[in-house]
Amino acid sequence: MTAQAGVLWLWRMSAVDYLTALADLLTDRLAPLAGEPVATPWGPRLEQAMSDRGLAVYEEALLSRLLADLSS
């Protein structure tokens, strides 16, 4: 999470981030979603995108992006 001037947003947890990861990652880095859907009140479009595609993106698969964010 990141906070700036009283605003809080989740880091790399938007529908755009999710869809970009799906497009960029090899299929062996993705897994089927399991269990009951979980609400994403910070981004309703994320909830819908995940439900539509049925795939999980794990942070470990995005490590290079996350580390690049920290160094910028």
PDB file of N, CA and C in Angstrom:
ATOM      1  N   MET A   1       0.823  -1.170   0.000  1.00  0.00           N
ATOM      2  CA  MET A   1       0.000   0.000   0.000  1.00  0.00           C
ATOM      3  C   MET A   1       0.870   1.237   0.000  1.00  0.00           C
ATOM      4  N   THR A   2       0.325   2.291  -0.554  1.00  0.00           N
ATOM      5  CA  THR A   2       1.028   3.551  -0.618  1.00  0.00           C
ATOM      6  C   THR A   2       0.093   4.654  -0.148  1.00  0.00           C
ATOM      7  N   ALA A   3       0.628   5.609   0.589  1.00  0.00           N
ATOM      8  CA  ALA A   3      -0.173   6.747   1.025  1.00  0.00           C
ATOM      9  C   ALA A   3       0.524   8.025   0.598  1.00  0.00           C
ATOM     10  N   GLN A   4      -0.262   8.974   0.142  1.00  0.00           N
ATOM     11  CA  GLN A   4       0.287  10.255  -0.247  1.00  0.00           C
ATOM     12  C   GLN A   4      -0.807  11.293  -0.061  1.00  0.00           C
ATOM     13  N   ALA A   5      -0.516  12.337   0.704  1.00  0.00           N
ATOM     14  CA  ALA A   5      -1.452  13.433   0.932  1.00  0.00           C
ATOM     15  C   ALA A   5      -2.834  12.926   1.338  1.00  0.00           C
ATOM     16  N   GLY A   6      -2.873  11.983   2.272  1.00  0.00           N
ATOM     17  CA  GLY A   6      -4.141  11.496   2.779  1.00  0.00           C
ATOM     18  C   GLY A   6      -4.869  10.528   1.868  1.00  0.00           C
ATOM     19  N   VAL A   7      -4.243  10.117   0.776  1.00  0.00           N
ATOM     20  CA  VAL A   7      -4.860   9.175  -0.154  1.00  0.00           C
ATOM     21  C   VAL A   7      -4.142   7.839  -0.022  1.00  0.00           C
ATOM     22  N   LEU A   8      -4.904   6.773   0.005  1.00  0.00           N
ATOM     23  CA  LEU A   8      -4.334   5.434   0.139  1.00  0.00           C
ATOM     24  C   LEU A   8      -4.722   4.614  -1.073  1.00  0.00           C
ATOM     25  N   TRP A   9      -3.754   3.958  -1.701  1.00  0.00           N
ATOM     26  CA  TRP A   9      -4.072   3.062  -2.800  1.00  0.00           C
ATOM     27  C   TRP A   9      -3.205   1.817  -2.707  1.00  0.00           C
ATOM     28  N   LEU A  10      -3.720   0.751  -3.235  1.00  0.00           N
ATOM     29  CA  LEU A  10      -3.011  -0.526  -3.175  1.00  0.00           C
ATOM     30  C   LEU A  10      -2.019  -0.615  -4.322  1.00  0.00           C
ATOM     31  N   TRP A  11      -0.865  -1.144  -4.025  1.00  0.00           N
ATOM     32  CA  TRP A  11       0.254  -1.198  -4.946  1.00  0.00           C
ATOM     33  C   TRP A  11       0.102  -2.395  -5.867  1.00  0.00           C
ATOM     34  N   ARG A  12      -0.007  -2.102  -7.155  1.00  0.00           N
ATOM     35  CA  ARG A  12      -0.108  -3.147  -8.181  1.00  0.00           C
ATOM     36  C   ARG A  12      -1.312  -4.061  -7.959  1.00  0.00           C
ATOM     37  N   MET A  13      -2.422  -3.496  -7.530  1.00  0.00           N
ATOM     38  CA  MET A  13      -3.610  -4.301  -7.254  1.00  0.00           C
ATOM     39  C   MET A  13      -4.845  -3.736  -7.958  1.00  0.00           C
ATOM     40  N   SER A  14      -4.668  -3.215  -9.167  1.00  0.00           N
ATOM     41  CA  SER A  14      -5.811  -2.699  -9.922  1.00  0.00           C
ATOM     42  C   SER A  14      -6.163  -3.677 -11.041  1.00  0.00           C
ATOM     43  N   ALA A  15      -7.293  -3.445 -11.668  1.00  0.00           N
ATOM     44  CA  ALA A  15      -7.681  -4.280 -12.810  1.00  0.00           C
ATOM     45  C   ALA A  15      -6.662  -4.153 -13.939  1.00  0.00           C
ATOM     46  N   VAL A  16      -6.155  -2.951 -14.151  1.00  0.00           N
ATOM     47  CA  VAL A  16      -5.148  -2.746 -15.203  1.00  0.00           C
ATOM     48  C   VAL A  16      -3.888  -3.549 -14.893  1.00  0.00           C
ATOM     49  N   ASP A  17      -3.435  -3.516 -13.635  1.00  0.00           N
ATOM     50  CA  ASP A  17      -2.252  -4.295 -13.241  1.00  0.00           C
ATOM     51  C   ASP A  17      -2.481  -5.786 -13.459  1.00  0.00           C
ATOM     52  N   TYR A  18      -3.651  -6.254 -13.077  1.00  0.00           N
ATOM     53  CA  TYR A  18      -4.002  -7.674 -13.225  1.00  0.00           C
ATOM     54  C   TYR A  18      -4.009  -8.079 -14.698  1.00  0.00           C
ATOM     55  N   LEU A  19      -4.682  -7.306 -15.530  1.00  0.00           N
ATOM     56  CA  LEU A  19      -4.781  -7.647 -16.956  1.00  0.00           C
ATOM     57  C   LEU A  19      -3.426  -7.553 -17.648  1.00  0.00           C
ATOM     58  N   THR A  20      -2.612  -6.591 -17.256  1.00  0.00           N
ATOM     59  CA  THR A  20      -1.260  -6.476 -17.812  1.00  0.00           C
ATOM     60  C   THR A  20      -0.432  -7.696 -17.442  1.00  0.00           C
ATOM     61  N   ALA A  21      -0.533  -8.124 -16.201  1.00  0.00           N
ATOM     62  CA  ALA A  21       0.208  -9.309 -15.763  1.00  0.00           C
ATOM     63  C   ALA A  21      -0.235 -10.536 -16.536  1.00  0.00           C
ATOM     64  N   LEU A  22      -1.521 -10.705 -16.741  1.00  0.00           N
ATOM     65  CA  LEU A  22      -1.996 -11.859 -17.511  1.00  0.00           C
ATOM     66  C   LEU A  22      -1.439 -11.848 -18.918  1.00  0.00           C
ATOM     67  N   ALA A  23      -1.373 -10.674 -19.515  1.00  0.00           N
ATOM     68  CA  ALA A  23      -0.870 -10.563 -20.887  1.00  0.00           C
ATOM     69  C   ALA A  23       0.630 -10.817 -20.967  1.00  0.00           C
ATOM     70  N   ASP A  24       1.358 -10.448 -19.920  1.00  0.00           N
ATOM     71  CA  ASP A  24       2.821 -10.522 -19.946  1.00  0.00           C
ATOM     72  C   ASP A  24       3.398 -11.836 -19.436  1.00  0.00           C
ATOM     73  N   LEU A  25       2.704 -12.497 -18.527  1.00  0.00           N
ATOM     74  CA  LEU A  25       3.267 -13.693 -17.900  1.00  0.00           C
ATOM     75  C   LEU A  25       3.031 -14.949 -18.731  1.00  0.00           C
ATOM     76  N   LEU A  26       3.959 -15.872 -18.646  1.00  0.00           N
ATOM     77  CA  LEU A  26       3.783 -17.170 -19.277  1.00  0.00           C
ATOM     78  C   LEU A  26       2.700 -17.934 -18.524  1.00  0.00           C
ATOM     79  N   THR A  27       2.003 -18.787 -19.215  1.00  0.00           N
ATOM     80  CA  THR A  27       0.885 -19.499 -18.591  1.00  0.00           C
ATOM     81  C   THR A  27       1.315 -20.366 -17.415  1.00  0.00           C
ATOM     82  N   ASP A  28       2.578 -20.816 -17.386  1.00  0.00           N
ATOM     83  CA  ASP A  28       3.010 -21.638 -16.257  1.00  0.00           C
ATOM     84  C   ASP A  28       3.194 -20.807 -14.981  1.00  0.00           C
ATOM     85  N   ARG A  29       3.112 -19.482 -15.081  1.00  0.00           N
ATOM     86  CA  ARG A  29       3.197 -18.602 -13.912  1.00  0.00           C
ATOM     87  C   ARG A  29       1.817 -18.239 -13.370  1.00  0.00           C
ATOM     88  N   LEU A  30       0.759 -18.746 -14.010  1.00  0.00           N
ATOM     89  CA  LEU A  30      -0.620 -18.460 -13.617  1.00  0.00           C
ATOM     90  C   LEU A  30      -1.249 -19.708 -13.026  1.00  0.00           C
ATOM     91  N   ALA A  31      -2.256 -19.506 -12.201  1.00  0.00           N
ATOM     92  CA  ALA A  31      -2.955 -20.633 -11.584  1.00  0.00           C
ATOM     93  C   ALA A  31      -4.447 -20.347 -11.601  1.00  0.00           C
ATOM     94  N   PRO A  32      -5.253 -21.395 -11.656  1.00  0.00           N
ATOM     95  CA  PRO A  32      -6.699 -21.178 -11.578  1.00  0.00           C
ATOM     96  C   PRO A  32      -7.072 -20.612 -10.203  1.00  0.00           C
ATOM     97  N   LEU A  33      -8.038 -19.712 -10.195  1.00  0.00           N
ATOM     98  CA  LEU A  33      -8.554 -19.224  -8.919  1.00  0.00           C
ATOM     99  C   LEU A  33      -9.283 -20.362  -8.216  1.00  0.00           C
ATOM    100  N   ALA A  34      -9.184 -20.399  -6.920  1.00  0.00           N
ATOM    101  CA  ALA A  34      -9.853 -21.434  -6.125  1.00  0.00           C
ATOM    102  C   ALA A  34     -10.664 -20.764  -5.030  1.00  0.00           C
ATOM    103  N   GLY A  35     -11.698 -21.424  -4.593  1.00  0.00           N
ATOM    104  CA  GLY A  35     -12.497 -20.906  -3.498  1.00  0.00           C
ATOM    105  C   GLY A  35     -13.544 -19.912  -3.955  1.00  0.00           C
ATOM    106  N   GLU A  36     -14.164 -19.302  -2.964  1.00  0.00           N
ATOM    107  CA  GLU A  36     -15.218 -18.327  -3.222  1.00  0.00           C
ATOM    108  C   GLU A  36     -14.614 -16.989  -3.643  1.00  0.00           C
ATOM    109  N   PRO A  37     -15.272 -16.277  -4.551  1.00  0.00           N
ATOM    110  CA  PRO A  37     -14.783 -14.934  -4.930  1.00  0.00           C
ATOM    111  C   PRO A  37     -14.723 -14.012  -3.708  1.00  0.00           C
ATOM    112  N   VAL A  38     -13.761 -13.123  -3.729  1.00  0.00           N
ATOM    113  CA  VAL A  38     -13.578 -12.153  -2.656  1.00  0.00           C
ATOM    114  C   VAL A  38     -13.788 -10.765  -3.239  1.00  0.00           C
ATOM    115  N   ALA A  39     -14.524  -9.949  -2.535  1.00  0.00           N
ATOM    116  CA  ALA A  39     -14.788  -8.586  -3.001  1.00  0.00           C
ATOM    117  C   ALA A  39     -13.500  -7.763  -3.034  1.00  0.00           C
ATOM    118  N   THR A  40     -13.408  -6.869  -3.995  1.00  0.00           N
ATOM    119  CA  THR A  40     -12.293  -5.925  -4.094  1.00  0.00           C
ATOM    120  C   THR A  40     -12.873  -4.515  -4.061  1.00  0.00           C
ATOM    121  N   PRO A  41     -13.236  -4.031  -2.881  1.00  0.00           N
ATOM    122  CA  PRO A  41     -13.896  -2.732  -2.786  1.00  0.00           C
ATOM    123  C   PRO A  41     -13.056  -1.572  -3.305  1.00  0.00           C
ATOM    124  N   TRP A  42     -11.722  -1.720  -3.318  1.00  0.00           N
ATOM    125  CA  TRP A  42     -10.859  -0.670  -3.853  1.00  0.00           C
ATOM    126  C   TRP A  42     -10.905  -0.640  -5.374  1.00  0.00           C
ATOM    127  N   GLY A  43     -11.372  -1.718  -5.999  1.00  0.00           N
ATOM    128  CA  GLY A  43     -11.403  -1.771  -7.456  1.00  0.00           C
ATOM    129  C   GLY A  43     -12.405  -2.780  -7.966  1.00  0.00           C
ATOM    130  N   PRO A  44     -13.666  -2.390  -8.088  1.00  0.00           N
ATOM    131  CA  PRO A  44     -14.691  -3.332  -8.565  1.00  0.00           C
ATOM    132  C   PRO A  44     -14.349  -3.953  -9.926  1.00  0.00           C
ATOM    133  N   ARG A  45     -13.622  -3.229 -10.745  1.00  0.00           N
ATOM    134  CA  ARG A  45     -13.241  -3.793 -12.051  1.00  0.00           C
ATOM    135  C   ARG A  45     -12.265  -4.951 -11.890  1.00  0.00           C
ATOM    136  N   LEU A  46     -11.455  -4.928 -10.832  1.00  0.00           N
ATOM    137  CA  LEU A  46     -10.534  -6.039 -10.567  1.00  0.00           C
ATOM    138  C   LEU A  46     -11.329  -7.297 -10.249  1.00  0.00           C
ATOM    139  N   GLU A  47     -12.310  -7.168  -9.394  1.00  0.00           N
ATOM    140  CA  GLU A  47     -13.152  -8.311  -9.043  1.00  0.00           C
ATOM    141  C   GLU A  47     -13.787  -8.930 -10.290  1.00  0.00           C
ATOM    142  N   GLN A  48     -14.303  -8.090 -11.171  1.00  0.00           N
ATOM    143  CA  GLN A  48     -14.949  -8.575 -12.388  1.00  0.00           C
ATOM    144  C   GLN A  48     -13.934  -9.219 -13.328  1.00  0.00           C
ATOM    145  N   ALA A  49     -12.770  -8.595 -13.487  1.00  0.00           N
ATOM    146  CA  ALA A  49     -11.739  -9.137 -14.381  1.00  0.00           C
ATOM    147  C   ALA A  49     -11.271 -10.504 -13.900  1.00  0.00           C
ATOM    148  N   MET A  50     -11.060 -10.647 -12.604  1.00  0.00           N
ATOM    149  CA  MET A  50     -10.610 -11.932 -12.062  1.00  0.00           C
ATOM    150  C   MET A  50     -11.690 -12.990 -12.206  1.00  0.00           C
ATOM    151  N   SER A  51     -12.915 -12.597 -11.961  1.00  0.00           N
ATOM    152  CA  SER A  51     -14.032 -13.532 -12.105  1.00  0.00           C
ATOM    153  C   SER A  51     -14.176 -13.989 -13.557  1.00  0.00           C
ATOM    154  N   ASP A  52     -14.043 -13.061 -14.482  1.00  0.00           N
ATOM    155  CA  ASP A  52     -14.173 -13.383 -15.912  1.00  0.00           C
ATOM    156  C   ASP A  52     -13.078 -14.329 -16.387  1.00  0.00           C
ATOM    157  N   ARG A  53     -11.858 -14.117 -15.911  1.00  0.00           N
ATOM    158  CA  ARG A  53     -10.720 -14.898 -16.411  1.00  0.00           C
ATOM    159  C   ARG A  53     -10.410 -16.124 -15.571  1.00  0.00           C
ATOM    160  N   GLY A  54     -10.754 -16.086 -14.298  1.00  0.00           N
ATOM    161  CA  GLY A  54     -10.568 -17.254 -13.442  1.00  0.00           C
ATOM    162  C   GLY A  54      -9.123 -17.628 -13.181  1.00  0.00           C
ATOM    163  N   LEU A  55      -8.221 -16.641 -13.247  1.00  0.00           N
ATOM    164  CA  LEU A  55      -6.798 -16.920 -13.040  1.00  0.00           C
ATOM    165  C   LEU A  55      -6.235 -16.053 -11.925  1.00  0.00           C
ATOM    166  N   ALA A  56      -5.306 -16.627 -11.170  1.00  0.00           N
ATOM    167  CA  ALA A  56      -4.615 -15.902 -10.105  1.00  0.00           C
ATOM    168  C   ALA A  56      -3.253 -15.439 -10.610  1.00  0.00           C
ATOM    169  N   VAL A  57      -2.850 -14.266 -10.166  1.00  0.00           N
ATOM    170  CA  VAL A  57      -1.504 -13.748 -10.422  1.00  0.00           C
ATOM    171  C   VAL A  57      -0.857 -13.571  -9.056  1.00  0.00           C
ATOM    172  N   TYR A  58       0.222 -14.279  -8.823  1.00  0.00           N
ATOM    173  CA  TYR A  58       0.907 -14.214  -7.534  1.00  0.00           C
ATOM    174  C   TYR A  58       2.002 -13.161  -7.563  1.00  0.00           C
ATOM    175  N   GLU A  59       2.213 -12.530  -6.402  1.00  0.00           N
ATOM    176  CA  GLU A  59       3.226 -11.484  -6.297  1.00  0.00           C
ATOM    177  C   GLU A  59       4.593 -11.966  -6.745  1.00  0.00           C
ATOM    178  N   GLU A  60       4.913 -13.208  -6.445  1.00  0.00           N
ATOM    179  CA  GLU A  60       6.218 -13.752  -6.803  1.00  0.00           C
ATOM    180  C   GLU A  60       6.472 -13.683  -8.303  1.00  0.00           C
ATOM    181  N   ALA A  61       5.415 -13.816  -9.087  1.00  0.00           N
ATOM    182  CA  ALA A  61       5.554 -13.759 -10.547  1.00  0.00           C
ATOM    183  C   ALA A  61       5.840 -12.347 -11.025  1.00  0.00           C
ATOM    184  N   LEU A  62       5.570 -11.360 -10.188  1.00  0.00           N
ATOM    185  CA  LEU A  62       5.765  -9.957 -10.548  1.00  0.00           C
ATOM    186  C   LEU A  62       6.944  -9.330  -9.811  1.00  0.00           C
ATOM    187  N   LEU A  63       7.803 -10.151  -9.253  1.00  0.00           N
ATOM    188  CA  LEU A  63       8.888  -9.650  -8.418  1.00  0.00           C
ATOM    189  C   LEU A  63       9.732  -8.595  -9.119  1.00  0.00           C
ATOM    190  N   SER A  64      10.078  -8.802 -10.363  1.00  0.00           N
ATOM    191  CA  SER A  64      10.924  -7.824 -11.048  1.00  0.00           C
ATOM    192  C   SER A  64      10.227  -6.469 -11.156  1.00  0.00           C
ATOM    193  N   ARG A  65       8.934  -6.452 -11.376  1.00  0.00           N
ATOM    194  CA  ARG A  65       8.176  -5.188 -11.433  1.00  0.00           C
ATOM    195  C   ARG A  65       8.131  -4.516 -10.063  1.00  0.00           C
ATOM    196  N   LEU A  66       7.900  -5.310  -9.051  1.00  0.00           N
ATOM    197  CA  LEU A  66       7.812  -4.755  -7.707  1.00  0.00           C
ATOM    198  C   LEU A  66       9.155  -4.156  -7.282  1.00  0.00           C
ATOM    199  N   LEU A  67      10.232  -4.850  -7.579  1.00  0.00           N
ATOM    200  CA  LEU A  67      11.556  -4.341  -7.224  1.00  0.00           C
ATOM    201  C   LEU A  67      11.885  -3.087  -8.023  1.00  0.00           C
ATOM    202  N   ALA A  68      11.473  -3.044  -9.282  1.00  0.00           N
ATOM    203  CA  ALA A  68      11.694  -1.846 -10.098  1.00  0.00           C
ATOM    204  C   ALA A  68      10.934  -0.656  -9.511  1.00  0.00           C
ATOM    205  N   ASP A  69       9.727  -0.894  -9.034  1.00  0.00           N
ATOM    206  CA  ASP A  69       8.957   0.191  -8.386  1.00  0.00           C
ATOM    207  C   ASP A  69       9.704   0.735  -7.181  1.00  0.00           C
ATOM    208  N   LEU A  70      10.290  -0.158  -6.402  1.00  0.00           N
ATOM    209  CA  LEU A  70      11.010   0.274  -5.192  1.00  0.00           C
ATOM    210  C   LEU A  70      12.258   1.071  -5.518  1.00  0.00           C
ATOM    211  N   SER A  71      12.884   0.781  -6.633  1.00  0.00           N
ATOM    212  CA  SER A  71      14.129   1.475  -6.972  1.00  0.00           C
ATOM    213  C   SER A  71      13.893   2.768  -7.740  1.00  0.00           C
ATOM    214  N   SER A  72      12.653   3.038  -8.129  1.00  0.00           N
ATOM    215  CA  SER A  72      12.397   4.277  -8.872  1.00  0.00           C
ATOM    216  C   SER A  72      11.927   5.389  -7.979  1.00  0.00           C
TER     217      SER A  72
END
